[in-house]
Amino acid sequence: MRRSLLVVALGITFLILMTWLGTVLTSIIPHQVTAQEQTVRVGPYQLTLQVNPNPPLITQPAALSISVLSASTQQPVTNARVTLESAMVEMDMGADKVEARAQGDGTDGTYLANVQFSMSGLWKVHVIVAVPGAAPVSTDFEVTAQ
């Protein structure tokens, strides 16, 4: 009886120690900071990603705002279907897929989605833009969650 109780106590102590060590290492190791605004040109569009809060926290969903402009005219693209797929770079945790909604009255070409980053580290956000009558385009943004 004493021996099994000792084994259980040592196991619990080990788990607590490993949890504490993981927390300490996460706070010591520097994280790459996510740029406040990331802009890329893909196909006929210019896409700009903004993350709020920045850096996103793992304790609450982050608001990802995608601005879609025509690259040639800088006019907003208001009839797009914008899909975001988020996946962790360093560890395979599967991919989460969410549809972004047009923000406000939908005339400024801004689309908003809430994304939950479940673990600290570097994430890839794959953005797919589909406009009726045109081929879909996609690009990747990098976001570091904390």
N, C-alpha and C. Protein backbone atom coordinates (compact mmCIF):
# COMPACT_ATOMS: atom_id res chain seq x y z
N MET A 1 0.81 -1.20 0.00
CA MET A 1 0.00 0.00 0.00
C MET A 1 0.86 1.26 0.00
N ARG A 2 1.87 1.27 0.88
CA ARG A 2 2.76 2.44 0.96
C ARG A 2 3.50 2.66 -0.35
N ARG A 3 3.91 1.54 -0.95
CA ARG A 3 4.68 1.63 -2.19
C ARG A 3 3.84 2.23 -3.33
N SER A 4 2.61 1.79 -3.49
CA SER A 4 1.76 2.33 -4.56
C SER A 4 1.42 3.79 -4.29
N LEU A 5 1.24 4.17 -3.03
CA LEU A 5 1.00 5.56 -2.69
C LEU A 5 2.21 6.42 -3.03
N LEU A 6 3.41 5.90 -2.80
CA LEU A 6 4.64 6.62 -3.13
C LEU A 6 4.77 6.79 -4.65
N VAL A 7 4.43 5.75 -5.40
CA VAL A 7 4.49 5.83 -6.87
C VAL A 7 3.51 6.89 -7.38
N VAL A 8 2.31 6.93 -6.84
CA VAL A 8 1.31 7.93 -7.25
C VAL A 8 1.80 9.33 -6.90
N ALA A 9 2.34 9.51 -5.72
CA ALA A 9 2.84 10.82 -5.30
C ALA A 9 3.99 11.28 -6.19
N LEU A 10 4.91 10.36 -6.52
CA LEU A 10 6.01 10.72 -7.41
C LEU A 10 5.50 11.06 -8.81
N GLY A 11 4.50 10.34 -9.30
CA GLY A 11 3.93 10.63 -10.61
C GLY A 11 3.29 12.01 -10.66
N ILE A 12 2.52 12.35 -9.64
CA ILE A 12 1.89 13.68 -9.58
C ILE A 12 2.95 14.77 -9.48
N THR A 13 3.97 14.54 -8.65
CA THR A 13 5.06 15.51 -8.53
C THR A 13 5.76 15.71 -9.88
N PHE A 14 5.98 14.62 -10.60
CA PHE A 14 6.62 14.71 -11.92
C PHE A 14 5.76 15.53 -12.89
N LEU A 15 4.46 15.30 -12.91
CA LEU A 15 3.57 16.05 -13.80
C LEU A 15 3.56 17.54 -13.46
N ILE A 16 3.53 17.87 -12.19
CA ILE A 16 3.56 19.27 -11.76
C ILE A 16 4.88 19.91 -12.17
N LEU A 17 5.99 19.20 -11.97
CA LEU A 17 7.30 19.72 -12.35
C LEU A 17 7.40 19.96 -13.85
N MET A 18 6.90 19.03 -14.67
CA MET A 18 6.95 19.19 -16.13
C MET A 18 6.08 20.35 -16.59
N THR A 19 4.91 20.53 -15.99
CA THR A 19 4.04 21.66 -16.33
C THR A 19 4.73 22.97 -16.00
N TRP A 20 5.33 23.06 -14.82
CA TRP A 20 6.04 24.27 -14.42
C TRP A 20 7.22 24.54 -15.36
N LEU A 21 7.98 23.50 -15.69
CA LEU A 21 9.13 23.66 -16.58
C LEU A 21 8.69 24.15 -17.96
N GLY A 22 7.59 23.61 -18.48
CA GLY A 22 7.06 24.06 -19.78
C GLY A 22 6.66 25.53 -19.74
N THR A 23 6.05 25.95 -18.65
CA THR A 23 5.64 27.35 -18.50
C THR A 23 6.86 28.27 -18.44
N VAL A 24 7.88 27.87 -17.70
CA VAL A 24 9.10 28.67 -17.59
C VAL A 24 9.80 28.78 -18.94
N LEU A 25 9.93 27.66 -19.65
CA LEU A 25 10.60 27.69 -20.96
C LEU A 25 9.85 28.55 -21.96
N THR A 26 8.51 28.51 -21.95
CA THR A 26 7.72 29.32 -22.86
C THR A 26 7.96 30.80 -22.62
N SER A 27 8.13 31.20 -21.35
CA SER A 27 8.34 32.61 -21.06
C SER A 27 9.78 33.05 -21.33
N ILE A 28 10.74 32.11 -21.31
CA ILE A 28 12.14 32.45 -21.52
C ILE A 28 12.49 32.53 -23.01
N ILE A 29 11.98 31.57 -23.79
CA ILE A 29 12.31 31.51 -25.21
C ILE A 29 11.64 32.67 -25.94
N PRO A 30 12.42 33.47 -26.68
CA PRO A 30 11.82 34.61 -27.37
C PRO A 30 10.91 34.14 -28.52
N HIS A 31 9.80 34.85 -28.68
CA HIS A 31 8.86 34.56 -29.76
C HIS A 31 9.02 35.59 -30.87
N GLN A 32 8.85 35.13 -32.10
CA GLN A 32 8.83 36.05 -33.23
C GLN A 32 7.54 36.86 -33.13
N VAL A 33 7.66 38.15 -33.22
CA VAL A 33 6.50 39.02 -33.09
C VAL A 33 5.78 39.12 -34.42
N THR A 34 4.46 39.05 -34.37
CA THR A 34 3.64 39.19 -35.57
C THR A 34 3.62 40.65 -35.99
N ALA A 35 3.82 40.91 -37.27
CA ALA A 35 3.75 42.28 -37.77
C ALA A 35 2.34 42.82 -37.56
N GLN A 36 2.22 44.08 -37.21
CA GLN A 36 0.92 44.69 -36.96
C GLN A 36 0.03 44.62 -38.20
N GLU A 37 0.66 44.79 -39.35
CA GLU A 37 -0.07 44.75 -40.62
C GLU A 37 0.79 44.02 -41.64
N GLN A 38 0.21 43.03 -42.31
CA GLN A 38 0.93 42.27 -43.34
C GLN A 38 0.18 42.44 -44.66
N THR A 39 0.88 42.86 -45.69
CA THR A 39 0.26 43.08 -46.99
C THR A 39 1.00 42.28 -48.06
N VAL A 40 0.22 41.59 -48.91
CA VAL A 40 0.80 40.85 -50.03
C VAL A 40 -0.07 41.09 -51.26
N ARG A 41 0.57 40.96 -52.41
CA ARG A 41 -0.16 41.01 -53.67
C ARG A 41 -0.24 39.58 -54.21
N VAL A 42 -1.45 39.15 -54.48
CA VAL A 42 -1.66 37.79 -54.99
C VAL A 42 -2.68 37.89 -56.13
N GLY A 43 -2.22 37.47 -57.31
CA GLY A 43 -3.09 37.59 -58.49
C GLY A 43 -3.49 39.04 -58.69
N PRO A 44 -4.77 39.31 -58.96
CA PRO A 44 -5.22 40.68 -59.19
C PRO A 44 -5.58 41.44 -57.91
N TYR A 45 -5.23 40.88 -56.74
CA TYR A 45 -5.67 41.48 -55.48
C TYR A 45 -4.50 41.86 -54.58
N GLN A 46 -4.76 42.81 -53.72
CA GLN A 46 -3.84 43.16 -52.64
C GLN A 46 -4.55 42.81 -51.34
N LEU A 47 -3.95 41.92 -50.55
CA LEU A 47 -4.55 41.47 -49.30
C LEU A 47 -3.75 42.02 -48.13
N THR A 48 -4.45 42.55 -47.14
CA THR A 48 -3.81 43.06 -45.94
C THR A 48 -4.44 42.38 -44.73
N LEU A 49 -3.60 41.78 -43.89
CA LEU A 49 -4.05 41.11 -42.67
C LEU A 49 -3.71 41.96 -41.47
N GLN A 50 -4.69 42.12 -40.57
CA GLN A 50 -4.46 42.75 -39.27
C GLN A 50 -5.00 41.80 -38.20
N VAL A 51 -4.24 41.66 -37.11
CA VAL A 51 -4.59 40.76 -36.02
C VAL A 51 -4.87 41.58 -34.77
N ASN A 52 -6.01 41.30 -34.10
CA ASN A 52 -6.36 42.02 -32.89
C ASN A 52 -6.87 41.03 -31.86
N PRO A 53 -6.25 40.91 -30.69
CA PRO A 53 -5.06 41.63 -30.23
C PRO A 53 -3.81 41.08 -30.89
N ASN A 54 -2.78 41.88 -30.88
CA ASN A 54 -1.52 41.48 -31.47
C ASN A 54 -0.44 41.59 -30.40
N PRO A 55 0.20 40.52 -30.00
CA PRO A 55 0.05 39.15 -30.46
C PRO A 55 -1.24 38.53 -29.95
N PRO A 56 -1.80 37.59 -30.72
CA PRO A 56 -3.02 36.93 -30.26
C PRO A 56 -2.74 36.04 -29.06
N LEU A 57 -3.71 35.98 -28.17
CA LEU A 57 -3.58 35.17 -26.96
C LEU A 57 -4.26 33.83 -27.15
N ILE A 58 -3.72 32.80 -26.51
CA ILE A 58 -4.32 31.47 -26.65
C ILE A 58 -5.56 31.33 -25.78
N THR A 59 -5.82 32.30 -24.92
CA THR A 59 -6.95 32.23 -24.00
C THR A 59 -8.24 32.79 -24.59
N GLN A 60 -8.16 33.45 -25.73
CA GLN A 60 -9.36 34.03 -26.34
C GLN A 60 -9.19 34.10 -27.85
N PRO A 61 -10.30 34.06 -28.60
CA PRO A 61 -10.19 34.16 -30.06
C PRO A 61 -9.63 35.51 -30.48
N ALA A 62 -8.87 35.51 -31.56
CA ALA A 62 -8.33 36.75 -32.12
C ALA A 62 -9.19 37.16 -33.32
N ALA A 63 -9.36 38.46 -33.49
CA ALA A 63 -10.09 38.99 -34.65
C ALA A 63 -9.09 39.21 -35.78
N LEU A 64 -9.27 38.48 -36.88
CA LEU A 64 -8.42 38.64 -38.05
C LEU A 64 -9.20 39.40 -39.10
N SER A 65 -8.66 40.52 -39.50
CA SER A 65 -9.29 41.39 -40.48
C SER A 65 -8.50 41.31 -41.79
N ILE A 66 -9.19 40.98 -42.88
CA ILE A 66 -8.56 40.88 -44.20
C ILE A 66 -9.15 41.96 -45.09
N SER A 67 -8.30 42.83 -45.57
CA SER A 67 -8.73 43.85 -46.53
C SER A 67 -8.39 43.34 -47.93
N VAL A 68 -9.40 43.34 -48.82
CA VAL A 68 -9.21 42.86 -50.19
C VAL A 68 -9.41 44.04 -51.14
N LEU A 69 -8.33 44.42 -51.81
CA LEU A 69 -8.38 45.52 -52.78
C LEU A 69 -7.97 45.01 -54.15
N SER A 70 -8.46 45.67 -55.18
CA SER A 70 -7.97 45.41 -56.53
C SER A 70 -6.55 45.96 -56.59
N ALA A 71 -5.59 45.15 -56.99
CA ALA A 71 -4.19 45.59 -57.00
C ALA A 71 -3.96 46.71 -58.00
N SER A 72 -4.70 46.72 -59.09
CA SER A 72 -4.46 47.73 -60.12
C SER A 72 -5.14 49.06 -59.81
N THR A 73 -6.34 49.03 -59.21
CA THR A 73 -7.09 50.27 -58.99
C THR A 73 -7.16 50.70 -57.53
N GLN A 74 -6.76 49.80 -56.61
CA GLN A 74 -6.85 50.03 -55.17
C GLN A 74 -8.29 50.22 -54.69
N GLN A 75 -9.26 49.75 -55.49
CA GLN A 75 -10.66 49.80 -55.10
C GLN A 75 -11.01 48.55 -54.28
N PRO A 76 -11.91 48.70 -53.30
CA PRO A 76 -12.30 47.54 -52.49
C PRO A 76 -13.02 46.48 -53.32
N VAL A 77 -12.76 45.23 -52.98
CA VAL A 77 -13.46 44.10 -53.59
C VAL A 77 -14.55 43.70 -52.60
N THR A 78 -15.80 43.93 -52.98
CA THR A 78 -16.91 43.78 -52.03
C THR A 78 -17.69 42.48 -52.20
N ASN A 79 -17.45 41.73 -53.26
CA ASN A 79 -18.23 40.52 -53.50
C ASN A 79 -17.40 39.24 -53.37
N ALA A 80 -16.40 39.27 -52.52
CA ALA A 80 -15.50 38.12 -52.37
C ALA A 80 -16.02 37.16 -51.30
N ARG A 81 -15.62 35.92 -51.43
CA ARG A 81 -15.81 34.92 -50.38
C ARG A 81 -14.41 34.65 -49.83
N VAL A 82 -14.19 34.97 -48.58
CA VAL A 82 -12.86 34.86 -47.97
C VAL A 82 -12.88 33.74 -46.92
N THR A 83 -11.98 32.78 -47.10
CA THR A 83 -11.87 31.64 -46.19
C THR A 83 -10.48 31.64 -45.56
N LEU A 84 -10.42 31.41 -44.25
CA LEU A 84 -9.14 31.34 -43.54
C LEU A 84 -8.97 29.94 -42.97
N GLU A 85 -7.79 29.36 -43.21
CA GLU A 85 -7.43 28.07 -42.63
C GLU A 85 -6.17 28.28 -41.79
N SER A 86 -6.27 27.99 -40.50
CA SER A 86 -5.12 28.19 -39.61
C SER A 86 -4.57 26.84 -39.18
N ALA A 87 -3.24 26.74 -39.21
CA ALA A 87 -2.55 25.52 -38.80
C ALA A 87 -1.24 25.89 -38.14
N MET A 88 -0.90 25.19 -37.07
CA MET A 88 0.36 25.45 -36.38
C MET A 88 1.52 24.93 -37.22
N VAL A 89 2.59 25.72 -37.30
CA VAL A 89 3.74 25.37 -38.12
C VAL A 89 4.59 24.30 -37.44
N GLU A 90 4.84 24.45 -36.15
CA GLU A 90 5.79 23.61 -35.44
C GLU A 90 5.23 22.26 -35.01
N MET A 91 3.90 22.13 -34.97
CA MET A 91 3.29 20.89 -34.49
C MET A 91 1.98 20.67 -35.25
N ASP A 92 1.76 19.45 -35.70
CA ASP A 92 0.53 19.15 -36.43
C ASP A 92 -0.63 19.06 -35.46
N MET A 93 -1.46 20.10 -35.46
CA MET A 93 -2.64 20.12 -34.60
C MET A 93 -3.90 20.16 -35.44
N GLY A 94 -3.77 19.82 -36.72
CA GLY A 94 -4.91 19.91 -37.62
C GLY A 94 -5.09 21.34 -38.08
N ALA A 95 -6.04 21.55 -38.96
CA ALA A 95 -6.30 22.90 -39.48
C ALA A 95 -7.73 23.29 -39.15
N ASP A 96 -7.90 24.53 -38.72
CA ASP A 96 -9.23 25.08 -38.48
C ASP A 96 -9.60 25.95 -39.66
N LYS A 97 -10.83 25.82 -40.11
CA LYS A 97 -11.30 26.57 -41.27
C LYS A 97 -12.47 27.45 -40.85
N VAL A 98 -12.44 28.72 -41.25
CA VAL A 98 -13.51 29.65 -40.91
C VAL A 98 -13.76 30.59 -42.09
N GLU A 99 -15.02 30.93 -42.29
CA GLU A 99 -15.40 31.89 -43.33
C GLU A 99 -15.38 33.29 -42.72
N ALA A 100 -14.77 34.23 -43.41
CA ALA A 100 -14.75 35.62 -42.95
C ALA A 100 -16.01 36.30 -43.48
N ARG A 101 -16.55 37.19 -42.66
CA ARG A 101 -17.76 37.94 -43.04
C ARG A 101 -17.39 39.36 -43.42
N ALA A 102 -18.15 39.91 -44.36
CA ALA A 102 -17.94 41.31 -44.74
C ALA A 102 -18.20 42.18 -43.51
N GLN A 103 -17.31 43.13 -43.26
CA GLN A 103 -17.41 43.96 -42.08
C GLN A 103 -18.23 45.21 -42.39
N GLY A 104 -19.02 45.65 -41.44
CA GLY A 104 -19.83 46.86 -41.61
C GLY A 104 -20.86 46.65 -42.70
N ASP A 105 -20.96 47.63 -43.59
CA ASP A 105 -21.95 47.54 -44.67
C ASP A 105 -21.40 46.79 -45.88
N GLY A 106 -20.15 46.32 -45.80
CA GLY A 106 -19.58 45.50 -46.86
C GLY A 106 -19.02 46.26 -48.04
N THR A 107 -18.94 47.58 -47.96
CA THR A 107 -18.48 48.37 -49.11
C THR A 107 -16.99 48.71 -49.07
N ASP A 108 -16.32 48.41 -47.96
CA ASP A 108 -14.90 48.79 -47.89
C ASP A 108 -13.94 47.63 -48.17
N GLY A 109 -14.48 46.45 -48.51
CA GLY A 109 -13.62 45.32 -48.86
C GLY A 109 -12.92 44.68 -47.69
N THR A 110 -13.44 44.89 -46.47
CA THR A 110 -12.83 44.31 -45.28
C THR A 110 -13.68 43.15 -44.80
N TYR A 111 -13.01 42.04 -44.51
CA TYR A 111 -13.67 40.82 -44.07
C TYR A 111 -13.10 40.43 -42.71
N LEU A 112 -13.97 39.97 -41.80
CA LEU A 112 -13.56 39.70 -40.43
C LEU A 112 -13.86 38.26 -40.04
N ALA A 113 -12.91 37.61 -39.35
CA ALA A 113 -13.10 36.26 -38.84
C ALA A 113 -12.45 36.17 -37.46
N ASN A 114 -13.07 35.40 -36.58
CA ASN A 114 -12.50 35.12 -35.27
C ASN A 114 -11.81 33.77 -35.33
N VAL A 115 -10.55 33.75 -34.94
CA VAL A 115 -9.74 32.52 -35.00
C VAL A 115 -9.18 32.25 -33.61
N GLN A 116 -9.33 31.00 -33.16
CA GLN A 116 -8.79 30.58 -31.87
C GLN A 116 -7.45 29.88 -32.10
N PHE A 117 -6.37 30.48 -31.62
CA PHE A 117 -5.06 29.85 -31.65
C PHE A 117 -4.92 29.09 -30.33
N SER A 118 -4.86 27.77 -30.39
CA SER A 118 -4.96 26.96 -29.19
C SER A 118 -3.64 26.72 -28.47
N MET A 119 -2.53 27.14 -29.10
CA MET A 119 -1.22 26.88 -28.50
C MET A 119 -0.26 28.02 -28.88
N SER A 120 0.64 28.34 -27.98
CA SER A 120 1.65 29.36 -28.27
C SER A 120 2.58 28.88 -29.36
N GLY A 121 2.97 29.80 -30.24
CA GLY A 121 3.92 29.45 -31.29
C GLY A 121 3.52 30.06 -32.62
N LEU A 122 4.22 29.63 -33.65
CA LEU A 122 4.03 30.16 -35.00
C LEU A 122 2.90 29.41 -35.70
N TRP A 123 1.97 30.17 -36.28
CA TRP A 123 0.83 29.62 -37.00
C TRP A 123 0.85 30.16 -38.43
N LYS A 124 0.39 29.32 -39.36
CA LYS A 124 0.21 29.73 -40.75
C LYS A 124 -1.29 29.95 -40.96
N VAL A 125 -1.63 31.13 -41.47
CA VAL A 125 -3.03 31.42 -41.81
C VAL A 125 -3.10 31.47 -43.33
N HIS A 126 -3.75 30.47 -43.89
CA HIS A 126 -3.90 30.34 -45.35
C HIS A 126 -5.20 31.03 -45.73
N VAL A 127 -5.11 32.08 -46.55
CA VAL A 127 -6.27 32.87 -46.93
C VAL A 127 -6.62 32.56 -48.38
N ILE A 128 -7.89 32.22 -48.60
CA ILE A 128 -8.39 31.92 -49.95
C ILE A 128 -9.45 32.96 -50.29
N VAL A 129 -9.27 33.63 -51.42
CA VAL A 129 -10.23 34.65 -51.88
C VAL A 129 -10.85 34.16 -53.17
N ALA A 130 -12.18 34.05 -53.15
CA ALA A 130 -12.92 33.62 -54.34
C ALA A 130 -13.91 34.72 -54.71
N VAL A 131 -13.78 35.22 -55.92
CA VAL A 131 -14.67 36.25 -56.45
C VAL A 131 -15.43 35.63 -57.62
N PRO A 132 -16.76 35.81 -57.67
CA PRO A 132 -17.52 35.24 -58.78
C PRO A 132 -16.95 35.67 -60.13
N GLY A 133 -16.80 34.70 -61.04
CA GLY A 133 -16.29 34.97 -62.38
C GLY A 133 -14.78 35.02 -62.49
N ALA A 134 -14.07 34.77 -61.39
CA ALA A 134 -12.60 34.80 -61.41
C ALA A 134 -12.08 33.56 -60.69
N ALA A 135 -10.87 33.16 -61.04
CA ALA A 135 -10.25 32.01 -60.39
C ALA A 135 -9.89 32.38 -58.95
N PRO A 136 -10.10 31.46 -58.00
CA PRO A 136 -9.72 31.74 -56.61
C PRO A 136 -8.20 31.91 -56.49
N VAL A 137 -7.79 32.75 -55.56
CA VAL A 137 -6.37 32.95 -55.27
C VAL A 137 -6.16 32.70 -53.78
N SER A 138 -4.92 32.37 -53.42
CA SER A 138 -4.63 32.12 -52.01
C SER A 138 -3.21 32.55 -51.68
N THR A 139 -3.00 32.81 -50.41
CA THR A 139 -1.68 33.17 -49.90
C THR A 139 -1.61 32.79 -48.43
N ASP A 140 -0.41 32.81 -47.87
CA ASP A 140 -0.20 32.48 -46.46
C ASP A 140 0.34 33.69 -45.70
N PHE A 141 -0.15 33.83 -44.49
CA PHE A 141 0.37 34.82 -43.54
C PHE A 141 0.87 34.06 -42.33
N GLU A 142 1.84 34.63 -41.62
CA GLU A 142 2.35 34.02 -40.40
C GLU A 142 1.91 34.85 -39.20
N VAL A 143 1.44 34.14 -38.16
CA VAL A 143 0.96 34.78 -36.94
C VAL A 143 1.57 34.02 -35.77
N THR A 144 2.12 34.74 -34.80
CA THR A 144 2.69 34.12 -33.62
C THR A 144 1.77 34.35 -32.44
N ALA A 145 1.22 33.26 -31.91
CA ALA A 145 0.31 33.32 -30.76
C ALA A 145 1.10 33.19 -29.47
N GLN A 146 0.56 33.80 -28.41
CA GLN A 146 1.20 33.71 -27.09
C GLN A 146 0.18 33.34 -26.04
